Each structure stands twice: as C-alpha cells, then as structure tokens.
C-alpha atoms as a PDB file:
ATOM      1  CA  MET A   1      99.813  96.660  84.584  1.00  0.00           C
ATOM      2  CA  ILE A   2      98.998  93.453  86.419  1.00  0.00           C
ATOM      3  CA  LEU A   3      96.992  93.865  89.607  1.00  0.00           C
ATOM      4  CA  TRP A   4      98.380  91.169  91.940  1.00  0.00           C
ATOM      5  CA  PRO A   5      97.571  88.598  93.179  1.00  0.00           C
ATOM      6  CA  ALA A   6      96.673  86.680  90.046  1.00  0.00           C
ATOM      7  CA  ILE A   7      95.850  83.182  88.871  1.00  0.00           C
ATOM      8  CA  ILE A   8      97.013  81.160  85.907  1.00  0.00           C
ATOM      9  CA  LYS A   9      94.191  79.491  84.000  1.00  0.00           C
ATOM     10  CA  TYR A  10      95.445  76.602  81.883  1.00  0.00           C
ATOM     11  CA  GLU A  11      93.636  75.889  78.619  1.00  0.00           C
ATOM     12  CA  GLY A  12      91.380  72.857  78.987  1.00  0.00           C
ATOM     13  CA  GLU A  13      92.211  72.370  82.677  1.00  0.00           C
ATOM     14  CA  SER A  14      90.229  73.094  85.825  1.00  0.00           C
ATOM     15  CA  GLU A  15      93.145  73.599  88.191  1.00  0.00           C
ATOM     16  CA  LEU A  16      94.415  77.131  88.741  1.00  0.00           C
ATOM     17  CA  THR A  17      97.813  78.326  89.910  1.00  0.00           C
ATOM     18  CA  PHE A  18      97.905  81.196  92.402  1.00  0.00           C
ATOM     19  CA  VAL A  19     100.610  83.860  91.993  1.00  0.00           C
ATOM     20  CA  ASP A  20     100.791  86.225  94.952  1.00  0.00           C
ATOM     21  CA  SER A  21     102.925  89.053  93.564  1.00  0.00           C
ATOM     22  CA  ALA A  22     105.235  90.331  90.860  1.00  0.00           C
ATOM     23  CA  SER A  23     108.182  89.353  93.032  1.00  0.00           C
ATOM     24  CA  GLU A  24     106.882  85.771  93.264  1.00  0.00           C
ATOM     25  CA  TRP A  25     106.458  85.728  89.465  1.00  0.00           C
ATOM     26  CA  GLU A  26     110.054  86.947  88.989  1.00  0.00           C
ATOM     27  CA  SER A  27     111.637  84.761  91.681  1.00  0.00           C
ATOM     28  CA  ASP A  28     109.866  81.472  90.853  1.00  0.00           C
ATOM     29  CA  ALA A  29     111.526  80.048  87.751  1.00  0.00           C
ATOM     30  CA  ASP A  30     108.699  77.518  87.379  1.00  0.00           C
ATOM     31  CA  LEU A  31     106.358  80.443  86.684  1.00  0.00           C
ATOM     32  CA  HIS A  32     108.305  82.655  84.300  1.00  0.00           C
ATOM     33  CA  PHE A  33     110.470  80.029  82.549  1.00  0.00           C
ATOM     34  CA  PHE A  34     107.595  77.571  82.082  1.00  0.00           C
ATOM     35  CA  SER A  35     106.529  76.693  78.549  1.00  0.00           C
ATOM     36  CA  TYR A  36     102.891  77.718  78.426  1.00  0.00           C
ATOM     37  CA  GLU A  37     100.334  76.513  75.906  1.00  0.00           C
ATOM     38  CA  GLU A  38      98.735  78.935  73.446  1.00  0.00           C
ATOM     39  CA  GLY A  39      95.484  79.155  75.435  1.00  0.00           C
ATOM     40  CA  ASP A  40      96.981  79.541  78.924  1.00  0.00           C
ATOM     41  CA  ARG A  41      96.173  82.870  80.556  1.00  0.00           C
ATOM     42  CA  LEU A  42      97.127  84.911  83.583  1.00  0.00           C
ATOM     43  CA  VAL A  43      94.109  86.608  85.179  1.00  0.00           C
ATOM     44  CA  ASP A  44      94.711  89.456  87.605  1.00  0.00           C
ATOM     45  CA  SER A  45      92.658  90.684  90.581  1.00  0.00           C
ATOM     46  CA  ALA A  46      90.598  92.971  88.345  1.00  0.00           C
ATOM     47  CA  GLY A  47      89.768  90.124  85.942  1.00  0.00           C
ATOM     48  CA  ALA A  48      92.136  91.414  83.222  1.00  0.00           C
ATOM     49  CA  ILE A  49      93.419  88.660  80.937  1.00  0.00           C
ATOM     50  CA  TYR A  50      97.079  88.325  79.907  1.00  0.00           C
ATOM     51  CA  THR A  51      98.573  85.916  77.382  1.00  0.00           C
ATOM     52  CA  LEU A  52     101.654  83.912  78.363  1.00  0.00           C
ATOM     53  CA  ASN A  53     103.223  83.499  74.940  1.00  0.00           C
ATOM     54  CA  GLN A  54     105.711  86.370  74.816  1.00  0.00           C
ATOM     55  CA  SER A  55     109.251  85.422  75.829  1.00  0.00           C
ATOM     56  CA  VAL A  56     111.942  88.029  76.428  1.00  0.00           C
ATOM     57  CA  ALA A  57     115.437  86.776  77.294  1.00  0.00           C
ATOM     58  CA  ASN A  58     113.945  83.305  77.935  1.00  0.00           C
ATOM     59  CA  CYS A  59     111.455  84.733  80.457  1.00  0.00           C
ATOM     60  CA  ILE A  60     107.707  84.743  79.919  1.00  0.00           C
ATOM     61  CA  LYS A  61     106.283  88.264  79.970  1.00  0.00           C
ATOM     62  CA  PRO A  62     102.509  88.409  80.449  1.00  0.00           C
ATOM     63  CA  GLU A  63     100.965  90.541  77.730  1.00  0.00           C
ATOM     64  CA  ALA A  64      97.642  92.357  78.208  1.00  0.00           C
ATOM     65  CA  THR A  65      94.874  91.297  75.840  1.00  0.00           C
ATOM     66  CA  GLY A  66      92.503  94.164  76.602  1.00  0.00           C
ATOM     67  CA  LEU A  67      89.914  91.550  77.580  1.00  0.00           C
ATOM     68  CA  SER A  68      88.669  90.598  81.014  1.00  0.00           C
ATOM     69  CA  PHE A  69      86.574  88.063  82.877  1.00  0.00           C
ATOM     70  CA  ASP A  70      83.642  89.243  84.947  1.00  0.00           C
ATOM     71  CA  LYS A  71      82.969  88.165  88.535  1.00  0.00           C
ATOM     72  CA  ASP A  72      80.602  85.347  87.511  1.00  0.00           C
ATOM     73  CA  GLU A  73      83.146  83.865  85.077  1.00  0.00           C
ATOM     74  CA  ILE A  74      85.859  84.002  87.751  1.00  0.00           C
ATOM     75  CA  LEU A  75      83.500  82.382  90.253  1.00  0.00           C
ATOM     76  CA  GLU A  76      82.851  79.484  87.857  1.00  0.00           C
ATOM     77  CA  MET A  77      86.613  79.004  87.301  1.00  0.00           C
ATOM     78  CA  ILE A  78      87.206  78.962  91.043  1.00  0.00           C
ATOM     79  CA  LYS A  79      84.381  76.484  91.654  1.00  0.00           C
ATOM     80  CA  GLU A  80      85.792  74.180  88.958  1.00  0.00           C
ATOM     81  CA  HIS A  81      89.244  74.509  90.529  1.00  0.00           C
ATOM     82  CA  PHE A  82      88.003  73.628  94.012  1.00  0.00           C
ATOM     83  CA  SER A  83      85.995  70.708  92.669  1.00  0.00           C
ATOM     84  CA  SER A  84      89.047  69.365  90.814  1.00  0.00           C
ATOM     85  CA  ILE A  85      91.169  69.425  93.970  1.00  0.00           C
ATOM     86  CA  GLY A  86      88.497  67.687  96.038  1.00  0.00           C
ATOM     87  CA  GLU A  87      87.108  70.585  98.052  1.00  0.00           C
ATOM     88  CA  CYS A  88      83.548  70.009  99.204  1.00  0.00           C
ATOM     89  CA  CYS A  89      80.533  72.294  99.093  1.00  0.00           C
ATOM     90  CA  VAL A  90      81.747  74.293  96.086  1.00  0.00           C
ATOM     91  CA  SER A  91      78.180  74.918  94.957  1.00  0.00           C
ATOM     92  CA  LYS A  92      77.702  77.135  98.028  1.00  0.00           C
ATOM     93  CA  PHE A  93      80.865  79.163  97.394  1.00  0.00           C
ATOM     94  CA  ALA A  94      80.324  82.857  96.582  1.00  0.00           C
ATOM     95  CA  ILE A  95      82.549  85.901  96.177  1.00  0.00           C
ATOM     96  CA  LYS A  96      81.905  89.620  96.501  1.00  0.00           C
ATOM     97  CA  THR A  97      84.767  90.667  94.213  1.00  0.00           C
ATOM     98  CA  ILE A  98      87.168  89.113  91.737  1.00  0.00           C
ATOM     99  CA  ALA A  99      90.094  89.992  94.017  1.00  0.00           C
ATOM    100  CA  GLU A 100      88.431  88.215  96.949  1.00  0.00           C
ATOM    101  CA  GLY A 101      88.016  85.052  94.864  1.00  0.00           C
ATOM    102  CA  ILE A 102      91.605  85.069  93.689  1.00  0.00           C
ATOM    103  CA  ARG A 103      92.915  85.611  97.230  1.00  0.00           C
ATOM    104  CA  PHE A 104      90.754  82.704  98.401  1.00  0.00           C
ATOM    105  CA  VAL A 105      92.369  80.425  95.799  1.00  0.00           C
ATOM    106  CA  GLY A 106      95.725  81.347  97.328  1.00  0.00           C
ATOM    107  CA  SER A 107      94.588  80.725 100.886  1.00  0.00           C
ATOM    108  CA  VAL A 108      93.216  77.266 100.065  1.00  0.00           C
ATOM    109  CA  ASP A 109      96.239  76.246  97.982  1.00  0.00           C
ATOM    110  CA  GLN A 110      98.714  76.998 100.783  1.00  0.00           C
END
C-alpha cells in the first residue's frame, strides 16, 4: 500500500512530480491517465518503489516492486530536482527522513 505523499521519478530526468494523496492521484487525470515510460517510478514516503506500467480500465495503477530507496538515495534525487528547477544552496540541503524530504518537494513546488 502506498504511503502518501509520494513523488514520481522520471527515467533519465532530474525533475520530480509531487503527489500529495491517493485522492489527488485519482482526481488528477494527468497523473493516472499519463503514458509513463518503462523506467518511470512512483516513490512513496517510506522509499518504496512502484512501477507505473500497469493500466486497468485506461488508468495507471502503481504496482509495488518490493524494492526501495534509502534516505541517501532520496536525498540525492531531491537535490538533483532542486538544482534542475534553479533552487540555490542545494548542497546544504539535508533531511531527517524520507517522508520529510518528499513533503519538502511538495512545499517548494507549490
């Protein structure tokens, strides 16, 4: 089960997409009707990785891989994201938990 909020990590891209909740996922057609690439992943607040390749009734259903990112890997993704959107001082950015990092992506993107 996905622990929200989550981020979408696009294969080969630095930018992340923040998804606040299951209801946002279901209500935002751009999220669940989007045609994702093979390597795109949804990463939840525990670091669990979900593929975005399974479509049911034309809706993307994230599927658990059984794999996860650790806090340091998430931190690097977030730093790359902030750098790609022009945020300064990303080298000084730190997180205590994966969930904290993902929530911070959402707060900056709003």
